[in-house]
Amino acid sequence: MSLHSSKRKVLVGITGASGIIYGVRLAEILYNMSLLEAIIYTRSAERVAKEEMDRTLDDMLRIGDVKVYREDEIDAPYASSSRIPYGGMVIAPCSMRTLAAIANGLPDNLVTRAALSTLRLRRQLVLVIRETPLGIAELRNMLLAAENGAVILPASPGFYHKPKTIDDMVSFVVGKVLDVLGIEHNLYHRWRS
């Protein structure tokens, strides 16, 4: 692997909000591009995955030889800022609890520790928020996280590309994440004027 490609690797976090498919699909696509560093997921994500996908998250995340960590594995490499990949981190979906912890600097599990280390190093942190409606507390936390350097990317699929399936809508959101990371893709058709 060249130094150039190792610099672009991305750490993926999956937390307990609806939309587990966004994190799983992102991990698969990054893996296929040789850009997936590792995956971290929370206990809540396990519960939501069973509800939404009728499969365990462990089953869905068996992607090649990629390392997968649970939120309580604080001895994992990504608990230290020295192991955060140059390509940054994406949390998809990002629960409101995880957003609040990141916005307020509370490293209470491996996902939030890695996210805060990512921000400390001024690397890209993308939070794929999947919640509606949003209250004042959530909006304030989004503003705080953005002021700290995170990119807030709501899981809001567009419709100008004329999606025909749920997969098309998921690909749109994952494509937007890749756009933020500066990774070329063809997951959706761009806006044409």
N, C-alpha and C. Protein backbone atom coordinates (compact mmCIF):
# COMPACT_ATOMS: atom_id res chain seq x y z
N MET A 1 0.84 -1.17 0.00
CA MET A 1 0.00 0.00 0.00
C MET A 1 0.89 1.24 0.00
N SER A 2 0.56 2.21 -0.82
CA SER A 2 1.37 3.43 -0.89
C SER A 2 1.03 4.34 0.27
N LEU A 3 1.94 5.25 0.57
CA LEU A 3 1.71 6.23 1.61
C LEU A 3 0.48 7.06 1.28
N HIS A 4 0.31 7.38 -0.01
CA HIS A 4 -0.83 8.20 -0.43
C HIS A 4 -2.15 7.52 -0.06
N SER A 5 -2.28 6.23 -0.34
CA SER A 5 -3.55 5.55 -0.06
C SER A 5 -3.74 5.35 1.44
N SER A 6 -2.67 5.13 2.19
CA SER A 6 -2.83 4.95 3.63
C SER A 6 -3.26 6.24 4.30
N LYS A 7 -2.89 7.37 3.74
CA LYS A 7 -3.30 8.65 4.31
C LYS A 7 -4.80 8.88 4.18
N ARG A 8 -5.44 8.29 3.22
CA ARG A 8 -6.85 8.55 2.97
C ARG A 8 -7.78 7.58 3.66
N LYS A 9 -7.27 6.61 4.39
CA LYS A 9 -8.14 5.62 5.03
C LYS A 9 -9.06 6.31 6.02
N VAL A 10 -10.27 5.75 6.16
CA VAL A 10 -11.33 6.36 6.97
C VAL A 10 -11.81 5.38 8.03
N LEU A 11 -11.98 5.88 9.23
CA LEU A 11 -12.55 5.12 10.34
C LEU A 11 -14.06 5.33 10.32
N VAL A 12 -14.84 4.26 10.47
CA VAL A 12 -16.30 4.36 10.44
C VAL A 12 -16.86 3.99 11.81
N GLY A 13 -17.70 4.88 12.33
CA GLY A 13 -18.45 4.61 13.56
C GLY A 13 -19.91 4.41 13.22
N ILE A 14 -20.56 3.47 13.90
CA ILE A 14 -21.98 3.21 13.68
C ILE A 14 -22.65 3.24 15.06
N THR A 15 -23.61 4.16 15.24
CA THR A 15 -24.27 4.30 16.53
C THR A 15 -25.76 4.02 16.42
N GLY A 16 -26.44 4.09 17.54
CA GLY A 16 -27.81 3.60 17.63
C GLY A 16 -28.90 4.54 17.19
N ALA A 17 -28.80 5.07 16.02
CA ALA A 17 -29.90 5.83 15.41
C ALA A 17 -30.47 5.01 14.27
N SER A 18 -31.66 5.33 13.86
CA SER A 18 -32.23 4.67 12.69
C SER A 18 -31.36 5.00 11.48
N GLY A 19 -31.22 4.04 10.58
CA GLY A 19 -30.40 4.26 9.40
C GLY A 19 -29.07 3.53 9.46
N ILE A 20 -29.06 2.37 10.12
CA ILE A 20 -27.84 1.56 10.22
C ILE A 20 -27.28 1.26 8.83
N ILE A 21 -28.16 1.14 7.85
CA ILE A 21 -27.74 0.81 6.49
C ILE A 21 -26.74 1.83 5.94
N TYR A 22 -26.82 3.09 6.38
CA TYR A 22 -25.88 4.10 5.89
C TYR A 22 -24.45 3.74 6.30
N GLY A 23 -24.27 3.36 7.56
CA GLY A 23 -22.93 3.00 8.03
C GLY A 23 -22.41 1.72 7.40
N VAL A 24 -23.30 0.73 7.29
CA VAL A 24 -22.91 -0.55 6.69
C VAL A 24 -22.51 -0.35 5.23
N ARG A 25 -23.34 0.38 4.48
CA ARG A 25 -23.04 0.62 3.05
C ARG A 25 -21.76 1.42 2.89
N LEU A 26 -21.58 2.45 3.72
CA LEU A 26 -20.36 3.25 3.64
C LEU A 26 -19.14 2.38 3.88
N ALA A 27 -19.20 1.52 4.89
CA ALA A 27 -18.07 0.63 5.19
C ALA A 27 -17.78 -0.29 4.01
N GLU A 28 -18.82 -0.84 3.39
CA GLU A 28 -18.62 -1.73 2.24
C GLU A 28 -17.96 -1.00 1.07
N ILE A 29 -18.44 0.21 0.81
CA ILE A 29 -17.90 0.97 -0.32
C ILE A 29 -16.45 1.38 -0.06
N LEU A 30 -16.17 1.87 1.15
CA LEU A 30 -14.79 2.23 1.48
C LEU A 30 -13.88 1.01 1.40
N TYR A 31 -14.37 -0.14 1.86
CA TYR A 31 -13.57 -1.37 1.78
C TYR A 31 -13.25 -1.70 0.32
N ASN A 32 -14.26 -1.62 -0.54
CA ASN A 32 -14.05 -1.93 -1.96
C ASN A 32 -13.07 -0.96 -2.63
N MET A 33 -12.92 0.25 -2.05
CA MET A 33 -11.98 1.24 -2.56
C MET A 33 -10.63 1.15 -1.84
N SER A 34 -10.47 0.17 -0.95
CA SER A 34 -9.27 0.02 -0.11
C SER A 34 -9.04 1.24 0.77
N LEU A 35 -10.12 1.85 1.25
CA LEU A 35 -10.03 3.06 2.07
C LEU A 35 -10.64 2.90 3.45
N LEU A 36 -11.05 1.69 3.82
CA LEU A 36 -11.66 1.47 5.14
C LEU A 36 -10.58 1.12 6.15
N GLU A 37 -10.45 1.93 7.19
CA GLU A 37 -9.47 1.69 8.24
C GLU A 37 -9.97 0.64 9.23
N ALA A 38 -11.13 0.89 9.83
CA ALA A 38 -11.73 -0.01 10.81
C ALA A 38 -13.14 0.48 11.09
N ILE A 39 -13.89 -0.32 11.85
CA ILE A 39 -15.27 0.02 12.21
C ILE A 39 -15.40 -0.08 13.73
N ILE A 40 -16.12 0.89 14.29
CA ILE A 40 -16.47 0.86 15.72
C ILE A 40 -17.99 0.98 15.80
N TYR A 41 -18.63 0.16 16.63
CA TYR A 41 -20.07 0.31 16.78
C TYR A 41 -20.49 0.22 18.24
N THR A 42 -21.68 0.76 18.50
CA THR A 42 -22.21 0.82 19.87
C THR A 42 -23.22 -0.30 20.12
N ARG A 43 -23.50 -0.53 21.39
CA ARG A 43 -24.53 -1.51 21.76
C ARG A 43 -25.89 -1.12 21.19
N SER A 44 -26.19 0.16 21.22
CA SER A 44 -27.47 0.63 20.67
C SER A 44 -27.56 0.35 19.18
N ALA A 45 -26.45 0.45 18.48
CA ALA A 45 -26.45 0.14 17.05
C ALA A 45 -26.80 -1.32 16.82
N GLU A 46 -26.32 -2.21 17.70
CA GLU A 46 -26.67 -3.63 17.58
C GLU A 46 -28.18 -3.82 17.67
N ARG A 47 -28.81 -3.14 18.63
CA ARG A 47 -30.26 -3.27 18.81
C ARG A 47 -31.03 -2.73 17.61
N VAL A 48 -30.61 -1.57 17.13
CA VAL A 48 -31.30 -0.95 15.99
C VAL A 48 -31.13 -1.82 14.74
N ALA A 49 -29.96 -2.39 14.54
CA ALA A 49 -29.71 -3.25 13.37
C ALA A 49 -30.67 -4.44 13.35
N LYS A 50 -30.85 -5.07 14.50
CA LYS A 50 -31.78 -6.22 14.56
C LYS A 50 -33.19 -5.80 14.20
N GLU A 51 -33.59 -4.61 14.64
CA GLU A 51 -34.93 -4.10 14.37
C GLU A 51 -35.11 -3.72 12.90
N GLU A 52 -34.14 -3.02 12.34
CA GLU A 52 -34.27 -2.50 10.98
C GLU A 52 -33.92 -3.51 9.90
N MET A 53 -32.97 -4.40 10.17
CA MET A 53 -32.44 -5.23 9.10
C MET A 53 -32.62 -6.72 9.32
N ASP A 54 -33.19 -7.09 10.47
CA ASP A 54 -33.39 -8.51 10.80
C ASP A 54 -32.10 -9.32 10.72
N ARG A 55 -30.98 -8.67 10.98
CA ARG A 55 -29.67 -9.33 11.01
C ARG A 55 -28.86 -8.69 12.11
N THR A 56 -27.86 -9.41 12.58
CA THR A 56 -26.99 -8.81 13.59
C THR A 56 -25.97 -7.91 12.89
N LEU A 57 -25.51 -6.93 13.61
CA LEU A 57 -24.50 -6.04 13.07
C LEU A 57 -23.20 -6.79 12.83
N ASP A 58 -22.88 -7.74 13.70
CA ASP A 58 -21.68 -8.56 13.49
C ASP A 58 -21.72 -9.26 12.13
N ASP A 59 -22.89 -9.81 11.77
CA ASP A 59 -23.03 -10.46 10.46
C ASP A 59 -22.82 -9.48 9.32
N MET A 60 -23.42 -8.29 9.45
CA MET A 60 -23.35 -7.30 8.37
C MET A 60 -21.94 -6.73 8.21
N LEU A 61 -21.16 -6.72 9.30
CA LEU A 61 -19.85 -6.09 9.26
C LEU A 61 -18.70 -7.06 9.03
N ARG A 62 -19.01 -8.26 8.58
CA ARG A 62 -17.95 -9.20 8.19
C ARG A 62 -17.48 -8.81 6.79
N ILE A 63 -16.57 -7.85 6.77
CA ILE A 63 -16.10 -7.28 5.51
C ILE A 63 -14.61 -7.57 5.40
N GLY A 64 -14.27 -8.59 4.66
CA GLY A 64 -12.86 -8.92 4.47
C GLY A 64 -12.14 -9.09 5.79
N ASP A 65 -10.96 -8.51 5.88
CA ASP A 65 -10.14 -8.63 7.08
C ASP A 65 -10.17 -7.36 7.94
N VAL A 66 -11.23 -6.57 7.79
CA VAL A 66 -11.35 -5.30 8.50
C VAL A 66 -11.57 -5.55 9.99
N LYS A 67 -10.86 -4.80 10.82
CA LYS A 67 -11.03 -4.89 12.27
C LYS A 67 -12.31 -4.17 12.67
N VAL A 68 -13.07 -4.83 13.56
CA VAL A 68 -14.33 -4.27 14.06
C VAL A 68 -14.23 -4.23 15.58
N TYR A 69 -14.57 -3.07 16.16
CA TYR A 69 -14.48 -2.88 17.60
C TYR A 69 -15.83 -2.46 18.17
N ARG A 70 -16.09 -2.88 19.41
CA ARG A 70 -17.28 -2.44 20.13
C ARG A 70 -16.93 -1.20 20.95
N GLU A 71 -17.95 -0.45 21.30
CA GLU A 71 -17.74 0.83 21.98
C GLU A 71 -17.00 0.72 23.31
N ASP A 72 -17.06 -0.42 23.97
CA ASP A 72 -16.43 -0.54 25.28
C ASP A 72 -14.98 -1.04 25.20
N GLU A 73 -14.45 -1.24 24.01
CA GLU A 73 -13.06 -1.69 23.84
C GLU A 73 -12.12 -0.48 23.89
N ILE A 74 -12.02 0.09 25.07
CA ILE A 74 -11.23 1.31 25.25
C ILE A 74 -9.73 1.07 25.06
N ASP A 75 -9.31 -0.19 25.07
CA ASP A 75 -7.90 -0.49 24.80
C ASP A 75 -7.62 -0.65 23.31
N ALA A 76 -8.62 -0.42 22.47
CA ALA A 76 -8.45 -0.50 21.01
C ALA A 76 -7.52 0.62 20.55
N PRO A 77 -6.88 0.45 19.40
CA PRO A 77 -5.93 1.46 18.91
C PRO A 77 -6.52 2.87 18.80
N TYR A 78 -7.79 2.98 18.44
CA TYR A 78 -8.38 4.28 18.14
C TYR A 78 -8.79 5.06 19.38
N ALA A 79 -8.50 4.50 20.57
CA ALA A 79 -8.68 5.25 21.81
C ALA A 79 -7.58 6.30 21.94
N SER A 80 -6.54 6.19 21.15
CA SER A 80 -5.41 7.12 21.17
C SER A 80 -5.42 7.96 19.89
N SER A 81 -5.18 9.25 20.05
CA SER A 81 -5.15 10.12 18.87
C SER A 81 -4.02 9.77 17.92
N SER A 82 -3.01 9.08 18.40
CA SER A 82 -1.89 8.72 17.52
C SER A 82 -2.28 7.69 16.46
N ARG A 83 -3.46 7.06 16.59
CA ARG A 83 -3.88 6.03 15.64
C ARG A 83 -5.01 6.47 14.71
N ILE A 84 -5.45 7.72 14.82
CA ILE A 84 -6.54 8.20 13.98
C ILE A 84 -6.02 8.33 12.54
N PRO A 85 -6.72 7.72 11.57
CA PRO A 85 -6.22 7.78 10.18
C PRO A 85 -6.31 9.19 9.61
N TYR A 86 -5.44 9.46 8.65
CA TYR A 86 -5.40 10.77 8.03
C TYR A 86 -6.69 11.11 7.29
N GLY A 87 -7.40 10.09 6.82
CA GLY A 87 -8.65 10.33 6.11
C GLY A 87 -9.80 10.72 7.01
N GLY A 88 -9.61 10.61 8.32
CA GLY A 88 -10.62 11.05 9.27
C GLY A 88 -11.60 9.96 9.67
N MET A 89 -12.79 10.40 10.07
CA MET A 89 -13.79 9.50 10.62
C MET A 89 -15.18 9.93 10.18
N VAL A 90 -16.04 8.95 9.97
CA VAL A 90 -17.45 9.20 9.69
C VAL A 90 -18.26 8.40 10.69
N ILE A 91 -19.25 9.04 11.30
CA ILE A 91 -20.19 8.32 12.16
C ILE A 91 -21.53 8.31 11.45
N ALA A 92 -21.96 7.11 11.04
CA ALA A 92 -23.16 6.97 10.23
C ALA A 92 -23.91 5.71 10.64
N PRO A 93 -25.10 5.83 11.18
CA PRO A 93 -25.74 7.06 11.59
C PRO A 93 -25.15 7.55 12.91
N CYS A 94 -25.34 8.83 13.17
CA CYS A 94 -24.87 9.43 14.42
C CYS A 94 -26.08 9.71 15.29
N SER A 95 -26.17 9.01 16.42
CA SER A 95 -27.30 9.21 17.34
C SER A 95 -27.20 10.58 18.00
N MET A 96 -28.30 11.05 18.53
CA MET A 96 -28.32 12.33 19.22
C MET A 96 -27.47 12.27 20.50
N ARG A 97 -27.38 11.11 21.14
CA ARG A 97 -26.53 10.95 22.32
C ARG A 97 -25.07 11.09 21.94
N THR A 98 -24.69 10.46 20.83
CA THR A 98 -23.31 10.56 20.35
C THR A 98 -22.99 11.99 19.94
N LEU A 99 -23.91 12.63 19.24
CA LEU A 99 -23.73 14.03 18.85
C LEU A 99 -23.50 14.89 20.10
N ALA A 100 -24.32 14.71 21.13
CA ALA A 100 -24.20 15.52 22.35
C ALA A 100 -22.84 15.29 23.01
N ALA A 101 -22.39 14.04 23.07
CA ALA A 101 -21.09 13.74 23.68
C ALA A 101 -19.96 14.41 22.91
N ILE A 102 -20.02 14.36 21.58
CA ILE A 102 -18.97 14.97 20.76
C ILE A 102 -19.02 16.49 20.88
N ALA A 103 -20.22 17.06 20.82
CA ALA A 103 -20.38 18.51 20.90
C ALA A 103 -19.85 19.06 22.21
N ASN A 104 -19.98 18.28 23.27
CA ASN A 104 -19.61 18.75 24.60
C ASN A 104 -18.31 18.15 25.13
N GLY A 105 -17.57 17.46 24.26
CA GLY A 105 -16.26 16.95 24.63
C GLY A 105 -16.27 15.85 25.66
N LEU A 106 -17.22 14.92 25.57
CA LEU A 106 -17.35 13.83 26.54
C LEU A 106 -16.95 12.51 25.91
N PRO A 107 -15.72 12.08 26.09
CA PRO A 107 -15.24 10.82 25.48
C PRO A 107 -15.65 9.61 26.31
N ASP A 108 -16.93 9.25 26.26
CA ASP A 108 -17.45 8.20 27.15
C ASP A 108 -17.45 6.80 26.56
N ASN A 109 -17.05 6.65 25.31
CA ASN A 109 -16.89 5.32 24.72
C ASN A 109 -15.89 5.42 23.57
N LEU A 110 -15.61 4.32 22.93
CA LEU A 110 -14.58 4.32 21.88
C LEU A 110 -14.98 5.20 20.69
N VAL A 111 -16.27 5.23 20.35
CA VAL A 111 -16.71 6.06 19.22
C VAL A 111 -16.44 7.53 19.52
N THR A 112 -16.87 8.00 20.69
CA THR A 112 -16.69 9.42 21.00
C THR A 112 -15.23 9.77 21.26
N ARG A 113 -14.46 8.86 21.84
CA ARG A 113 -13.02 9.10 22.03
C ARG A 113 -12.33 9.29 20.68
N ALA A 114 -12.63 8.39 19.73
CA ALA A 114 -12.02 8.50 18.40
C ALA A 114 -12.47 9.78 17.70
N ALA A 115 -13.75 10.12 17.83
CA ALA A 115 -14.26 11.33 17.19
C ALA A 115 -13.59 12.58 17.75
N LEU A 116 -13.46 12.66 19.06
CA LEU A 116 -12.83 13.82 19.67
C LEU A 116 -11.34 13.90 19.31
N SER A 117 -10.68 12.75 19.22
CA SER A 117 -9.28 12.73 18.77
C SER A 117 -9.18 13.21 17.33
N THR A 118 -10.14 12.82 16.50
CA THR A 118 -10.17 13.26 15.11
C THR A 118 -10.24 14.78 15.04
N LEU A 119 -11.11 15.37 15.84
CA LEU A 119 -11.24 16.83 15.86
C LEU A 119 -9.98 17.49 16.40
N ARG A 120 -9.38 16.91 17.45
CA ARG A 120 -8.16 17.47 18.03
C ARG A 120 -7.04 17.55 16.99
N LEU A 121 -7.00 16.55 16.12
CA LEU A 121 -5.97 16.50 15.09
C LEU A 121 -6.33 17.30 13.84
N ARG A 122 -7.49 17.93 13.87
CA ARG A 122 -8.00 18.73 12.74
C ARG A 122 -8.19 17.87 11.48
N ARG A 123 -8.60 16.63 11.71
CA ARG A 123 -8.94 15.75 10.58
C ARG A 123 -10.45 15.78 10.38
N GLN A 124 -10.87 15.33 9.23
CA GLN A 124 -12.28 15.37 8.86
C GLN A 124 -13.12 14.46 9.76
N LEU A 125 -14.18 15.01 10.36
CA LEU A 125 -15.17 14.23 11.11
C LEU A 125 -16.52 14.54 10.51
N VAL A 126 -17.18 13.52 9.97
CA VAL A 126 -18.50 13.69 9.36
C VAL A 126 -19.52 12.97 10.23
N LEU A 127 -20.55 13.71 10.66
CA LEU A 127 -21.61 13.15 11.48
C LEU A 127 -22.88 13.06 10.65
N VAL A 128 -23.30 11.83 10.34
CA VAL A 128 -24.50 11.60 9.53
C VAL A 128 -25.68 11.51 10.50
N ILE A 129 -26.31 12.65 10.68
CA ILE A 129 -27.43 12.77 11.62
C ILE A 129 -28.69 12.21 10.98
N ARG A 130 -29.41 11.40 11.76
CA ARG A 130 -30.65 10.81 11.25
C ARG A 130 -31.70 10.93 12.36
N GLU A 131 -32.31 12.08 12.43
CA GLU A 131 -33.34 12.32 13.44
C GLU A 131 -34.28 13.39 12.93
N THR A 132 -35.56 13.26 13.26
CA THR A 132 -36.52 14.29 12.89
C THR A 132 -37.77 14.13 13.75
N PRO A 133 -38.39 15.19 14.22
CA PRO A 133 -37.94 16.57 14.11
C PRO A 133 -36.77 16.83 15.04
N LEU A 134 -36.20 18.01 14.89
CA LEU A 134 -35.05 18.40 15.72
C LEU A 134 -35.49 19.46 16.73
N GLY A 135 -35.10 19.24 17.98
CA GLY A 135 -35.39 20.22 19.01
C GLY A 135 -34.24 21.20 19.17
N ILE A 136 -34.42 22.16 20.04
CA ILE A 136 -33.41 23.18 20.27
C ILE A 136 -32.11 22.56 20.78
N ALA A 137 -32.21 21.57 21.69
CA ALA A 137 -30.99 20.94 22.22
C ALA A 137 -30.19 20.28 21.10
N GLU A 138 -30.87 19.56 20.20
CA GLU A 138 -30.17 18.90 19.10
C GLU A 138 -29.53 19.91 18.15
N LEU A 139 -30.26 20.98 17.86
CA LEU A 139 -29.72 22.02 16.97
C LEU A 139 -28.51 22.71 17.60
N ARG A 140 -28.59 22.97 18.90
CA ARG A 140 -27.43 23.57 19.58
C ARG A 140 -26.22 22.62 19.54
N ASN A 141 -26.48 21.34 19.77
CA ASN A 141 -25.37 20.38 19.72
C ASN A 141 -24.77 20.28 18.33
N MET A 142 -25.59 20.37 17.29
CA MET A 142 -25.07 20.37 15.92
C MET A 142 -24.19 21.59 15.69
N LEU A 143 -24.65 22.75 16.17
CA LEU A 143 -23.87 23.98 16.02
C LEU A 143 -22.54 23.86 16.77
N LEU A 144 -22.58 23.36 18.01
CA LEU A 144 -21.35 23.18 18.79
C LEU A 144 -20.38 22.24 18.08
N ALA A 145 -20.89 21.10 17.60
CA ALA A 145 -20.04 20.14 16.90
C ALA A 145 -19.43 20.77 15.65
N ALA A 146 -20.24 21.53 14.91
CA ALA A 146 -19.73 22.20 13.70
C ALA A 146 -18.68 23.25 14.06
N GLU A 147 -18.91 24.00 15.13
CA GLU A 147 -17.93 24.99 15.56
C GLU A 147 -16.62 24.33 15.99
N ASN A 148 -16.71 23.10 16.47
CA ASN A 148 -15.52 22.34 16.86
C ASN A 148 -14.82 21.69 15.67
N GLY A 149 -15.43 21.77 14.48
CA GLY A 149 -14.78 21.26 13.28
C GLY A 149 -15.47 20.12 12.58
N ALA A 150 -16.57 19.59 13.14
CA ALA A 150 -17.28 18.48 12.51
C ALA A 150 -18.12 18.98 11.33
N VAL A 151 -18.34 18.10 10.37
CA VAL A 151 -19.27 18.37 9.28
C VAL A 151 -20.57 17.66 9.64
N ILE A 152 -21.66 18.41 9.67
CA ILE A 152 -22.98 17.84 9.96
C ILE A 152 -23.62 17.51 8.62
N LEU A 153 -23.90 16.23 8.41
CA LEU A 153 -24.46 15.78 7.15
C LEU A 153 -25.75 15.00 7.44
N PRO A 154 -26.90 15.69 7.42
CA PRO A 154 -28.16 14.98 7.68
C PRO A 154 -28.41 13.90 6.63
N ALA A 155 -28.93 12.79 7.06
CA ALA A 155 -29.27 11.70 6.14
C ALA A 155 -30.57 12.08 5.44
N SER A 156 -30.45 13.02 4.52
CA SER A 156 -31.60 13.55 3.80
C SER A 156 -31.42 13.28 2.31
N PRO A 157 -31.93 12.16 1.83
CA PRO A 157 -31.73 11.86 0.40
C PRO A 157 -32.41 12.87 -0.49
N GLY A 158 -31.74 13.21 -1.59
CA GLY A 158 -32.34 14.07 -2.60
C GLY A 158 -33.18 13.26 -3.56
N PHE A 159 -33.94 13.94 -4.37
CA PHE A 159 -34.82 13.24 -5.31
C PHE A 159 -34.61 13.69 -6.75
N TYR A 160 -33.68 14.64 -6.99
CA TYR A 160 -33.44 15.09 -8.35
C TYR A 160 -32.79 14.02 -9.21
N HIS A 161 -32.21 13.01 -8.59
CA HIS A 161 -31.60 11.92 -9.37
C HIS A 161 -32.61 10.80 -9.65
N LYS A 162 -33.88 11.05 -9.27
CA LYS A 162 -35.00 10.13 -9.55
C LYS A 162 -34.76 8.73 -8.99
N PRO A 163 -34.62 8.60 -7.66
CA PRO A 163 -34.38 7.28 -7.07
C PRO A 163 -35.57 6.35 -7.31
N LYS A 164 -35.27 5.10 -7.58
CA LYS A 164 -36.32 4.11 -7.81
C LYS A 164 -36.40 3.10 -6.67
N THR A 165 -35.36 3.02 -5.86
CA THR A 165 -35.32 2.03 -4.78
C THR A 165 -34.76 2.69 -3.51
N ILE A 166 -34.93 1.99 -2.40
CA ILE A 166 -34.31 2.45 -1.15
C ILE A 166 -32.80 2.48 -1.33
N ASP A 167 -32.27 1.50 -2.03
CA ASP A 167 -30.83 1.46 -2.29
C ASP A 167 -30.34 2.73 -2.98
N ASP A 168 -31.13 3.25 -3.92
CA ASP A 168 -30.78 4.50 -4.59
C ASP A 168 -30.69 5.66 -3.60
N MET A 169 -31.63 5.70 -2.64
CA MET A 169 -31.64 6.78 -1.65
C MET A 169 -30.46 6.64 -0.67
N VAL A 170 -30.14 5.41 -0.27
CA VAL A 170 -29.00 5.17 0.60
C VAL A 170 -27.72 5.56 -0.13
N SER A 171 -27.60 5.19 -1.40
CA SER A 171 -26.41 5.52 -2.19
C SER A 171 -26.22 7.03 -2.31
N PHE A 172 -27.31 7.77 -2.39
CA PHE A 172 -27.23 9.23 -2.47
C PHE A 172 -26.55 9.80 -1.22
N VAL A 173 -27.03 9.37 -0.04
CA VAL A 173 -26.47 9.88 1.21
C VAL A 173 -25.01 9.45 1.37
N VAL A 174 -24.71 8.19 1.07
CA VAL A 174 -23.33 7.71 1.17
C VAL A 174 -22.45 8.47 0.17
N GLY A 175 -22.99 8.75 -1.02
CA GLY A 175 -22.25 9.54 -2.00
C GLY A 175 -21.93 10.94 -1.49
N LYS A 176 -22.86 11.54 -0.77
CA LYS A 176 -22.62 12.86 -0.19
C LYS A 176 -21.50 12.80 0.85
N VAL A 177 -21.45 11.72 1.63
CA VAL A 177 -20.35 11.54 2.58
C VAL A 177 -19.03 11.48 1.83
N LEU A 178 -18.98 10.69 0.77
CA LEU A 178 -17.75 10.58 -0.02
C LEU A 178 -17.37 11.92 -0.64
N ASP A 179 -18.38 12.72 -1.04
CA ASP A 179 -18.10 14.06 -1.56
C ASP A 179 -17.37 14.89 -0.52
N VAL A 180 -17.85 14.87 0.73
CA VAL A 180 -17.22 15.64 1.81
C VAL A 180 -15.78 15.18 2.03
N LEU A 181 -15.56 13.87 1.92
CA LEU A 181 -14.22 13.31 2.14
C LEU A 181 -13.30 13.50 0.93
N GLY A 182 -13.85 13.99 -0.17
CA GLY A 182 -13.04 14.19 -1.37
C GLY A 182 -12.71 12.91 -2.10
N ILE A 183 -13.61 11.93 -1.99
CA ILE A 183 -13.40 10.63 -2.63
C ILE A 183 -14.32 10.53 -3.85
N GLU A 184 -13.72 10.29 -5.01
CA GLU A 184 -14.51 10.19 -6.24
C GLU A 184 -15.37 8.93 -6.23
N HIS A 185 -16.55 9.04 -6.82
CA HIS A 185 -17.50 7.92 -6.86
C HIS A 185 -18.53 8.17 -7.96
N ASN A 186 -19.34 7.16 -8.19
CA ASN A 186 -20.47 7.31 -9.13
C ASN A 186 -21.74 6.74 -8.50
N LEU A 187 -21.96 7.02 -7.22
CA LEU A 187 -23.10 6.46 -6.50
C LEU A 187 -24.43 7.13 -6.85
N TYR A 188 -24.38 8.36 -7.33
CA TYR A 188 -25.61 9.03 -7.74
C TYR A 188 -25.30 9.98 -8.88
N HIS A 189 -26.35 10.34 -9.63
CA HIS A 189 -26.17 11.28 -10.74
C HIS A 189 -26.18 12.70 -10.19
N ARG A 190 -25.21 13.47 -10.58
CA ARG A 190 -25.09 14.85 -10.12
C ARG A 190 -26.21 15.71 -10.68
N TRP A 191 -26.45 16.81 -10.01
CA TRP A 191 -27.45 17.79 -10.45
C TRP A 191 -27.07 18.32 -11.82
N ARG A 192 -28.04 18.36 -12.71
CA ARG A 192 -27.80 18.92 -14.04
C ARG A 192 -28.72 20.11 -14.21
N SER A 193 -28.17 21.25 -14.60
CA SER A 193 -29.01 22.43 -14.80
C SER A 193 -29.29 22.65 -16.27
